[in-house]
Amino acid sequence: MKRLYLLPLALLMLCSCENFYLENQLGYQTTITDVRNFSYTLTDADYSAIASNPANRNMAAGMGKSEGDSSVYFLLQNLASNKYFGADTVIVPELFIPAFLANLYPQLSAGTLCEVNYRTVAEKPLYMDDFHIIRDFNPAEPLASVDDIVPALEANVNPLLKREGYKFVVNFADDKTYVYQFADGAFSEYHSDQIDVVALTKKDYATIGSTTIAEPERVVPILLRQLYPFAAADTKFALIFKSSSGNTIREVSFDGSDWILDSKLTEESMSFEMKDKWIANISTYLNEPFIGHGQGNFVIQNVFLESPLKYTWYYSATYGMCSSAFTSGASYKSDTWLISPKVKLKKAVRPQLIFDQAFNKADNFTEEAHVLVSTDYKGDATTATWTELPWNLNDDGTLNVPPGTSWVFQSSGNIDLSAWAGKDIYIGFHYTTGPNADGVNVSGTWELKNVLVFEPEAE
């Protein structure tokens, strides 16, 4: 027979009061943490969000000021229309992406790692440096000739805008524009030795039915096909047009079949870490602690598993990524890989690889554990070309590798990757097991954590 026991009401109240007291009077609280390791690719809308972020706007408004010049602020606004980070400017991802991440992921905890993929101009043309500020100039009355442009500018441009290098799109007529600049104390027509600069006219905007271009990647090629139906292949010029954030300049080129904006646009990535706030790991090309992050963006490939093995690589919240071919009281043959995501060393000079590792239950570490690099890996380790990295040496000349008799982690020491500076690489941790000299299968357990590829500080 089941019995139902009822606690006295006073006891229930006492328990309730005690919990309330602990939680509210003694400062007791339940801390919920959300630590992740993930990648994020900026969308077109994200560039606008970065440009309009209040923290970023305040930072840009206070940068590079000289005699009231707020050109950095206007450069930030151009990010919204350009939808890429320009090379060698002050609007760099390491400064302006952290505030965006803080707004996008307010719940994430310290220890979170995020690799952000973004667009940038691989080699920014030098002439782009001249176009920090581009203003419109609409004459109050139609100008009779080009000779009237300078006097009109002198008489009508606000003295505050007569600053060295400021550019002006002069709307001379509905179908004609000129680009002038203020330099050396006077206005003159702008010319570049590197490229022709063209500004859209009032007639061009009438053609597209809008006073601004919100989607340049889609709209500009359509317009240019109409304006230049017989363009020769490799035709290239700089185009000034109005976007939601003001006048914008983009390089356009014709590849023989269509117009392309910013032909040197490329994809880059940067690692960001959440500490007390988001910070950029500027000199970090790969940062994977494993512990607390799971497998991260690494992939596992099983080339061969002797039955009854189902896997060798697995994640341990205590030890990181581990590999073992021992199961059901015996060791078996195996050939398996743990492969990193793409590591971009384009800007690297002297990149180094370092990680912590442990090895136990076997003394043939160098036969089972291998670290290799590939530049042509495309998802299948067996079809890629791999170069094995040598282990570092201790002071006594012995290899700096785990002895295979303990679970104690030791550092690999800095492994030089300078041979791959300027390239994209993949790092493969290759685990192989099989028979020893006596024909008996042996397999140790390999444990990995804190995999880091970084640029050391200059000596």
Protein backbone atom coordinates (compact mmCIF):
# COMPACT_ATOMS: atom_id res chain seq x y z
CA MET A 1 0.00 0.00 0.00
CA LYS A 2 1.38 3.43 -0.97
CA ARG A 3 1.66 5.97 1.79
CA LEU A 4 1.44 9.71 1.28
CA TYR A 5 3.55 11.75 3.66
CA LEU A 6 2.74 15.43 4.17
CA LEU A 7 5.37 17.79 5.47
CA PRO A 8 4.16 20.21 8.09
CA LEU A 9 3.39 23.62 6.64
CA ALA A 10 5.85 25.25 9.02
CA LEU A 11 8.67 23.05 7.70
CA LEU A 12 7.82 23.90 4.11
CA MET A 13 7.83 27.58 4.96
CA LEU A 14 11.19 27.19 6.71
CA CYS A 15 12.71 25.53 3.64
CA SER A 16 11.29 28.25 1.43
CA CYS A 17 12.60 31.00 3.68
CA GLU A 18 16.03 29.37 3.85
CA ASN A 19 16.31 29.24 0.06
CA PHE A 20 15.14 32.84 -0.19
CA TYR A 21 17.69 33.86 2.41
CA LEU A 22 20.55 32.07 0.66
CA GLU A 23 19.67 33.45 -2.73
CA ASN A 24 18.92 37.03 -1.74
CA GLN A 25 20.75 37.75 1.51
CA LEU A 26 23.98 35.81 1.11
CA GLY A 27 24.50 36.80 -2.51
CA TYR A 28 23.90 33.27 -3.72
CA GLN A 29 23.13 33.12 -7.41
CA THR A 30 23.10 30.61 -10.21
CA THR A 31 25.49 31.67 -12.96
CA ILE A 32 24.55 30.57 -16.44
CA THR A 33 27.45 30.66 -18.87
CA ASP A 34 27.29 30.43 -22.65
CA VAL A 35 30.73 29.78 -24.12
CA ARG A 36 30.99 29.01 -27.82
CA ASN A 37 33.52 28.60 -30.60
CA PHE A 38 32.06 29.43 -34.00
CA SER A 39 32.46 31.25 -37.30
CA TYR A 40 30.34 34.12 -38.57
CA THR A 41 30.26 35.65 -42.05
CA LEU A 42 29.19 39.28 -42.33
CA THR A 43 26.14 39.85 -44.50
CA ASP A 44 25.51 42.98 -46.56
CA ALA A 45 23.20 44.23 -43.82
CA ASP A 46 25.93 43.70 -41.20
CA TYR A 47 28.20 46.30 -42.80
CA SER A 48 25.41 48.83 -42.37
CA ALA A 49 24.91 47.69 -38.77
CA ILE A 50 28.62 48.17 -38.05
CA ALA A 51 28.54 51.65 -39.57
CA SER A 52 25.44 52.69 -37.62
CA ASN A 53 26.47 51.15 -34.30
CA PRO A 54 26.43 54.00 -31.73
CA ALA A 55 29.70 52.92 -30.08
CA ASN A 56 31.42 52.78 -33.46
CA ARG A 57 30.04 56.16 -34.48
CA ASN A 58 31.33 57.75 -31.29
CA MET A 59 34.75 56.15 -31.74
CA ALA A 60 34.99 57.28 -35.38
CA ALA A 61 33.89 60.82 -34.54
CA GLY A 62 36.76 61.12 -32.07
CA MET A 63 39.45 59.63 -34.32
CA GLY A 64 41.90 61.58 -36.41
CA LYS A 65 40.37 64.93 -35.71
CA SER A 66 42.35 67.90 -36.88
CA GLU A 67 40.87 71.38 -36.76
CA GLY A 68 37.36 70.00 -36.66
CA ASP A 69 37.96 67.43 -39.40
CA SER A 70 35.64 64.44 -38.93
CA SER A 71 36.66 62.51 -42.04
CA VAL A 72 36.96 59.21 -40.12
CA TYR A 73 33.28 59.42 -39.27
CA PHE A 74 32.39 59.77 -42.97
CA LEU A 75 34.69 56.86 -43.86
CA LEU A 76 32.76 54.71 -41.41
CA GLN A 77 29.49 55.66 -43.10
CA ASN A 78 30.97 54.61 -46.45
CA LEU A 79 31.29 51.09 -45.03
CA ALA A 80 27.51 50.77 -45.21
CA SER A 81 27.45 51.33 -48.97
CA ASN A 82 30.80 49.74 -49.86
CA LYS A 83 30.03 46.57 -47.91
CA TYR A 84 33.72 45.80 -47.46
CA PHE A 85 36.65 46.94 -45.33
CA GLY A 86 39.18 48.90 -47.36
CA ALA A 87 42.84 48.01 -47.06
CA ASP A 88 45.14 50.40 -45.22
CA THR A 89 42.47 52.71 -43.84
CA VAL A 90 41.48 53.58 -40.30
CA ILE A 91 38.19 51.71 -40.72
CA VAL A 92 39.68 48.35 -39.85
CA PRO A 93 37.80 45.24 -38.66
CA GLU A 94 39.75 44.89 -35.42
CA LEU A 95 38.43 48.26 -34.25
CA PHE A 96 34.82 48.21 -35.46
CA ILE A 97 33.67 44.58 -35.38
CA PRO A 98 33.86 44.13 -31.54
CA ALA A 99 30.96 46.52 -30.86
CA PHE A 100 28.93 44.74 -33.53
CA LEU A 101 29.56 41.35 -31.90
CA ALA A 102 28.64 42.72 -28.48
CA ASN A 103 25.32 43.89 -29.88
CA LEU A 104 24.71 40.67 -31.84
CA TYR A 105 25.60 38.24 -29.02
CA PRO A 106 24.97 39.99 -25.68
CA GLN A 107 24.48 36.66 -23.90
CA LEU A 108 27.84 35.04 -24.67
CA SER A 109 30.33 34.52 -21.86
CA ALA A 110 34.06 35.02 -21.45
CA GLY A 111 36.04 32.40 -23.31
CA THR A 112 33.89 32.57 -26.44
CA LEU A 113 35.83 32.56 -29.71
CA CYS A 114 34.44 33.80 -33.01
CA GLU A 115 36.15 33.83 -36.37
CA VAL A 116 34.56 36.58 -38.46
CA ASN A 117 34.72 36.37 -42.24
CA TYR A 118 34.52 39.70 -44.06
CA ARG A 119 35.20 41.29 -47.43
CA THR A 120 38.15 43.55 -48.04
CA VAL A 121 40.13 45.02 -50.92
CA ALA A 122 43.27 42.96 -51.31
CA GLU A 123 45.37 45.79 -52.67
CA LYS A 124 43.71 49.15 -52.28
CA PRO A 125 44.62 51.47 -55.17
CA LEU A 126 46.59 54.49 -54.04
CA TYR A 127 44.16 56.91 -55.65
CA MET A 128 41.48 55.75 -53.18
CA ASP A 129 43.41 57.50 -50.42
CA ASP A 130 42.51 60.81 -52.07
CA PHE A 131 38.77 60.29 -51.69
CA HIS A 132 38.03 60.58 -47.98
CA ILE A 133 35.48 63.35 -48.51
CA ILE A 134 33.32 63.74 -51.63
CA ARG A 135 30.72 66.51 -51.69
CA ASP A 136 28.07 67.51 -54.24
CA PHE A 137 28.08 70.93 -55.84
CA ASN A 138 24.89 72.06 -57.55
CA PRO A 139 25.23 75.51 -59.13
CA ALA A 140 22.38 77.84 -58.26
CA GLU A 141 22.13 78.66 -61.99
CA PRO A 142 23.25 76.62 -65.01
CA LEU A 143 26.88 77.28 -65.88
CA ALA A 144 27.63 78.48 -69.38
CA SER A 145 31.07 76.91 -69.66
CA VAL A 146 33.62 74.82 -67.77
CA ASP A 147 35.55 78.02 -67.11
CA ASP A 148 32.73 79.12 -64.80
CA ILE A 149 33.16 76.14 -62.44
CA VAL A 150 36.04 77.44 -60.35
CA PRO A 151 34.53 80.90 -59.74
CA ALA A 152 31.22 79.24 -58.80
CA LEU A 153 32.98 76.94 -56.34
CA GLU A 154 34.97 79.78 -54.83
CA ALA A 155 31.85 81.89 -54.35
CA ASN A 156 29.43 79.24 -53.10
CA VAL A 157 31.29 76.51 -51.19
CA ASN A 158 31.15 76.90 -47.43
CA PRO A 159 34.57 78.05 -46.15
CA LEU A 160 34.52 75.13 -43.66
CA LEU A 161 34.58 72.73 -46.65
CA LYS A 162 37.56 74.38 -48.30
CA ARG A 163 39.95 71.80 -46.90
CA GLU A 164 42.96 70.18 -48.44
CA GLY A 165 41.97 67.19 -50.55
CA TYR A 166 38.19 67.61 -50.35
CA LYS A 167 36.54 66.50 -53.61
CA PHE A 168 33.42 67.97 -55.22
CA VAL A 169 31.14 66.40 -57.81
CA VAL A 170 30.08 69.38 -59.91
CA ASN A 171 26.69 68.76 -61.51
CA PHE A 172 27.38 70.89 -64.58
CA ALA A 173 24.27 69.74 -66.45
CA ASP A 174 21.72 66.95 -66.29
CA ASP A 175 23.97 64.73 -68.38
CA LYS A 176 27.43 65.99 -67.41
CA THR A 177 29.48 66.03 -64.23
CA TYR A 178 33.03 67.03 -63.35
CA VAL A 179 35.18 66.15 -60.32
CA TYR A 180 37.05 69.05 -58.73
CA GLN A 181 39.19 69.22 -55.61
CA PHE A 182 40.43 71.86 -53.21
CA ALA A 183 44.22 71.62 -53.03
CA ASP A 184 46.99 74.09 -52.29
CA GLY A 185 44.43 76.73 -51.41
CA ALA A 186 42.48 76.63 -54.68
CA PHE A 187 39.96 74.62 -56.68
CA SER A 188 41.04 72.65 -59.75
CA GLU A 189 39.74 69.76 -61.80
CA TYR A 190 40.85 66.44 -60.36
CA HIS A 191 43.00 64.14 -62.47
CA SER A 192 44.63 60.85 -61.52
CA ASP A 193 47.65 59.33 -63.22
CA GLN A 194 46.36 55.89 -62.26
CA ILE A 195 42.75 55.83 -63.40
CA ASP A 196 39.91 57.87 -64.89
CA VAL A 197 37.34 59.07 -62.35
CA VAL A 198 33.69 59.28 -63.47
CA ALA A 199 30.71 60.58 -61.48
CA LEU A 200 27.13 59.61 -62.27
CA THR A 201 24.91 62.38 -63.65
CA LYS A 202 21.35 63.45 -62.87
CA LYS A 203 20.29 61.70 -66.06
CA ASP A 204 21.87 58.44 -64.83
CA TYR A 205 19.87 58.56 -61.59
CA ALA A 206 16.73 59.26 -63.61
CA THR A 207 17.47 56.12 -65.61
CA ILE A 208 17.44 53.94 -62.51
CA GLY A 209 14.52 55.84 -61.00
CA SER A 210 16.23 56.75 -57.76
CA THR A 211 18.38 59.54 -56.33
CA THR A 212 20.65 57.02 -54.57
CA ILE A 213 21.94 53.48 -55.15
CA ALA A 214 21.22 51.18 -52.23
CA GLU A 215 22.44 47.95 -53.88
CA PRO A 216 25.48 48.89 -55.99
CA GLU A 217 26.52 45.27 -56.70
CA ARG A 218 23.19 44.72 -58.43
CA VAL A 219 22.33 48.16 -59.85
CA VAL A 220 25.70 49.50 -61.06
CA PRO A 221 26.46 46.67 -63.54
CA ILE A 222 22.97 47.06 -65.07
CA LEU A 223 23.45 50.82 -65.47
CA LEU A 224 26.95 50.50 -66.91
CA ARG A 225 25.79 47.96 -69.49
CA GLN A 226 23.38 50.64 -70.74
CA LEU A 227 25.91 53.48 -70.61
CA TYR A 228 28.78 51.53 -72.22
CA PRO A 229 27.24 48.90 -74.53
CA PHE A 230 30.45 48.53 -76.56
CA ALA A 231 33.00 48.57 -73.73
CA ALA A 232 36.24 46.76 -74.44
CA ALA A 233 37.45 43.99 -72.17
CA ASP A 234 39.64 45.23 -69.31
CA THR A 235 38.03 48.70 -69.37
CA LYS A 236 38.39 50.11 -65.87
CA PHE A 237 37.62 53.37 -64.08
CA ALA A 238 36.62 54.74 -60.68
CA LEU A 239 32.92 55.47 -60.34
CA ILE A 240 31.45 58.02 -57.94
CA PHE A 241 27.79 57.52 -57.06
CA LYS A 242 25.38 58.47 -54.30
CA SER A 243 24.58 55.87 -51.67
CA SER A 244 22.49 56.12 -48.52
CA SER A 245 25.55 57.41 -46.66
CA GLY A 246 26.65 59.96 -49.26
CA ASN A 247 28.99 59.96 -52.22
CA THR A 248 30.90 56.70 -52.63
CA ILE A 249 33.74 55.76 -54.97
CA ARG A 250 34.17 52.22 -56.27
CA GLU A 251 36.50 50.79 -58.86
CA VAL A 252 34.62 49.15 -61.75
CA SER A 253 35.99 46.98 -64.55
CA PHE A 254 34.59 45.14 -67.55
CA ASP A 255 35.74 41.51 -67.84
CA GLY A 256 34.45 41.06 -71.38
CA SER A 257 30.99 39.90 -70.37
CA ASP A 258 29.91 42.05 -67.44
CA TRP A 259 30.88 44.90 -65.14
CA ILE A 260 32.48 44.04 -61.82
CA LEU A 261 32.78 46.25 -58.76
CA ASP A 262 36.12 46.12 -56.95
CA SER A 263 37.78 43.37 -58.96
CA LYS A 264 40.34 42.92 -56.19
CA LEU A 265 37.71 42.25 -53.54
CA THR A 266 38.63 39.25 -51.44
CA GLU A 267 37.49 37.32 -48.37
CA GLU A 268 39.45 37.63 -45.14
CA SER A 269 38.89 36.44 -41.60
CA MET A 270 39.88 37.55 -38.13
CA SER A 271 39.57 35.88 -34.75
CA PHE A 272 37.75 37.64 -31.91
CA GLU A 273 37.58 36.59 -28.28
CA MET A 274 35.11 37.49 -25.57
CA LYS A 275 36.93 38.36 -22.35
CA ASP A 276 35.45 41.15 -20.26
CA LYS A 277 34.63 42.55 -23.72
CA TRP A 278 35.20 41.51 -27.32
CA ILE A 279 38.77 41.93 -28.53
CA ALA A 280 40.50 41.06 -31.80
CA ASN A 281 43.25 38.48 -31.84
CA ILE A 282 45.16 40.48 -34.42
CA SER A 283 48.22 38.24 -34.50
CA THR A 284 46.29 35.01 -33.98
CA TYR A 285 45.50 32.94 -37.05
CA LEU A 286 43.99 29.92 -35.27
CA ASN A 287 42.89 29.62 -31.64
CA GLU A 288 41.23 26.36 -30.64
CA PRO A 289 41.40 25.37 -26.95
CA PHE A 290 38.96 22.44 -27.49
CA ILE A 291 38.17 22.25 -23.77
CA GLY A 292 34.91 24.07 -23.28
CA HIS A 293 34.42 24.36 -27.05
CA GLY A 294 34.01 20.79 -28.23
CA GLN A 295 35.45 19.82 -31.58
CA GLY A 296 35.26 23.42 -32.77
CA ASN A 297 35.66 23.82 -36.54
CA PHE A 298 38.02 20.87 -36.86
CA VAL A 299 36.85 17.90 -38.92
CA ILE A 300 37.46 14.18 -38.37
CA GLN A 301 38.18 11.77 -41.21
CA ASN A 302 38.39 8.04 -40.65
CA VAL A 303 40.48 6.55 -43.46
CA PHE A 304 40.56 3.06 -41.93
CA LEU A 305 39.05 1.51 -38.81
CA GLU A 306 39.58 -2.16 -38.06
CA SER A 307 36.45 -3.82 -36.70
CA PRO A 308 35.08 -3.42 -34.05
CA LEU A 309 36.33 0.21 -34.01
CA LYS A 310 33.65 2.81 -34.77
CA TYR A 311 35.93 5.81 -34.25
CA THR A 312 39.22 6.87 -32.66
CA TRP A 313 38.80 10.66 -32.29
CA TYR A 314 36.40 11.91 -29.65
CA TYR A 315 35.89 15.01 -27.50
CA SER A 316 36.47 15.06 -23.75
CA ALA A 317 35.35 18.04 -21.70
CA THR A 318 38.32 17.37 -19.41
CA TYR A 319 41.12 16.49 -21.84
CA GLY A 320 40.17 18.06 -25.18
CA MET A 321 40.28 16.10 -28.43
CA CYS A 322 41.45 12.53 -27.87
CA SER A 323 42.22 9.59 -30.14
CA SER A 324 42.50 5.93 -29.16
CA ALA A 325 42.25 2.65 -31.08
CA PHE A 326 41.84 0.60 -27.89
CA THR A 327 38.42 -0.91 -27.23
CA SER A 328 36.98 -4.04 -25.66
CA GLY A 329 40.33 -4.80 -24.03
CA ALA A 330 42.40 -4.81 -27.22
CA SER A 331 44.15 -2.50 -29.73
CA TYR A 332 43.22 -2.36 -33.40
CA LYS A 333 44.56 -0.94 -36.65
CA SER A 334 43.48 2.58 -37.55
CA ASP A 335 44.24 5.54 -39.81
CA THR A 336 42.38 8.69 -38.79
CA TRP A 337 42.73 12.47 -39.05
CA LEU A 338 41.75 15.56 -37.09
CA ILE A 339 42.02 18.48 -39.54
CA SER A 340 41.89 22.19 -38.78
CA PRO A 341 39.77 24.74 -40.61
CA LYS A 342 41.60 26.86 -43.18
CA VAL A 343 44.37 28.88 -41.51
CA LYS A 344 44.94 32.09 -43.46
CA LEU A 345 48.56 33.17 -43.27
CA LYS A 346 48.32 35.82 -45.97
CA LYS A 347 49.57 38.58 -43.67
CA ALA A 348 51.86 36.34 -41.64
CA VAL A 349 55.60 36.89 -41.44
CA ARG A 350 56.88 34.26 -39.01
CA PRO A 351 53.83 32.18 -37.99
CA GLN A 352 54.24 29.61 -35.25
CA LEU A 353 52.18 26.58 -34.19
CA ILE A 354 51.97 25.48 -30.57
CA PHE A 355 49.69 23.09 -28.69
CA ASP A 356 49.52 20.97 -25.56
CA GLN A 357 49.48 17.20 -25.82
CA ALA A 358 49.56 14.05 -23.71
CA PHE A 359 50.16 10.43 -24.70
CA ASN A 360 49.78 7.28 -22.63
CA LYS A 361 49.44 3.52 -22.81
CA ALA A 362 52.17 3.14 -25.42
CA ASP A 363 55.78 4.16 -25.93
CA ASN A 364 55.71 4.51 -29.73
CA PHE A 365 54.42 8.07 -29.88
CA THR A 366 56.27 9.16 -33.03
CA GLU A 367 54.91 6.14 -34.93
CA GLU A 368 51.31 6.87 -34.03
CA ALA A 369 51.14 10.68 -33.82
CA HIS A 370 51.98 12.99 -36.71
CA VAL A 371 51.37 16.68 -37.39
CA LEU A 372 51.29 17.76 -41.01
CA VAL A 373 50.49 20.78 -43.20
CA SER A 374 48.65 20.92 -46.52
CA THR A 375 47.94 23.76 -48.92
CA ASP A 376 45.69 21.76 -51.27
CA TYR A 377 43.38 19.91 -48.87
CA LYS A 378 39.81 19.97 -50.22
CA GLY A 379 37.92 17.76 -47.82
CA ASP A 380 39.71 14.43 -48.33
CA ALA A 381 43.00 13.90 -46.53
CA THR A 382 43.95 10.99 -48.80
CA THR A 383 44.00 13.16 -51.93
CA ALA A 384 45.86 16.11 -50.42
CA THR A 385 49.61 16.74 -50.34
CA TRP A 386 50.93 16.81 -46.78
CA THR A 387 54.26 17.94 -45.32
CA GLU A 388 55.10 16.48 -41.92
CA LEU A 389 56.32 18.91 -39.28
CA PRO A 390 59.38 17.90 -37.28
CA TRP A 391 59.14 17.72 -33.49
CA ASN A 392 61.16 20.19 -31.46
CA LEU A 393 64.27 19.03 -29.62
CA ASN A 394 65.00 19.27 -25.91
CA ASP A 395 68.29 20.71 -24.67
CA ASP A 396 69.74 17.21 -24.48
CA GLY A 397 68.87 16.49 -28.11
CA THR A 398 65.90 14.24 -27.43
CA LEU A 399 62.55 14.82 -29.06
CA ASN A 400 60.17 17.09 -27.18
CA VAL A 401 57.29 14.60 -27.18
CA PRO A 402 55.24 12.90 -24.42
CA PRO A 403 56.83 9.73 -23.05
CA GLY A 404 53.71 7.65 -23.51
CA THR A 405 53.61 6.64 -19.86
CA SER A 406 51.53 9.38 -18.23
CA TRP A 407 48.55 11.64 -18.78
CA VAL A 408 50.59 14.77 -18.09
CA PHE A 409 50.18 17.42 -20.79
CA GLN A 410 53.28 19.06 -22.17
CA SER A 411 53.75 21.85 -24.68
CA SER A 412 54.88 21.09 -28.19
CA GLY A 413 56.91 24.28 -28.13
CA ASN A 414 56.78 26.71 -31.03
CA ILE A 415 56.78 24.86 -34.36
CA ASP A 416 57.85 27.15 -37.21
CA LEU A 417 55.37 27.63 -40.07
CA SER A 418 57.36 30.37 -41.83
CA ALA A 419 57.59 28.23 -44.97
CA TRP A 420 53.85 28.79 -45.45
CA ALA A 421 53.74 32.54 -44.75
CA GLY A 422 51.46 34.22 -47.27
CA LYS A 423 49.48 31.04 -47.97
CA ASP A 424 46.32 29.32 -46.77
CA ILE A 425 47.03 26.05 -44.98
CA TYR A 426 45.35 23.20 -43.15
CA ILE A 427 46.92 21.47 -40.16
CA GLY A 428 46.32 17.75 -39.83
CA PHE A 429 46.77 15.66 -36.68
CA HIS A 430 47.24 12.16 -38.09
CA TYR A 431 46.75 9.15 -35.82
CA THR A 432 47.80 5.69 -37.05
CA THR A 433 48.00 2.39 -35.16
CA GLY A 434 48.98 -1.15 -36.05
CA PRO A 435 51.28 -4.05 -35.14
CA ASN A 436 54.62 -3.58 -33.38
CA ALA A 437 57.83 -5.51 -34.10
CA ASP A 438 56.32 -8.55 -32.44
CA GLY A 439 53.23 -8.40 -34.64
CA VAL A 440 50.97 -7.27 -31.82
CA ASN A 441 48.66 -4.31 -32.36
CA VAL A 442 49.45 -1.41 -30.03
CA SER A 443 47.69 1.91 -29.60
CA GLY A 444 48.29 4.76 -27.24
CA THR A 445 45.84 7.54 -26.40
CA TRP A 446 46.69 10.93 -27.86
CA GLU A 447 45.14 14.01 -26.23
CA LEU A 448 45.25 17.54 -27.66
CA LYS A 449 44.24 20.98 -26.44
CA ASN A 450 45.12 24.67 -26.84
CA VAL A 451 46.02 24.59 -30.55
CA LEU A 452 47.31 28.03 -31.50
CA VAL A 453 48.80 29.50 -34.67
CA PHE A 454 50.12 32.98 -34.02
CA GLU A 455 52.60 35.66 -34.98
CA PRO A 456 55.27 36.07 -32.29
CA GLU A 457 56.24 39.53 -31.11
CA ALA A 458 59.13 41.06 -32.97
CA GLU A 459 62.40 40.55 -31.14
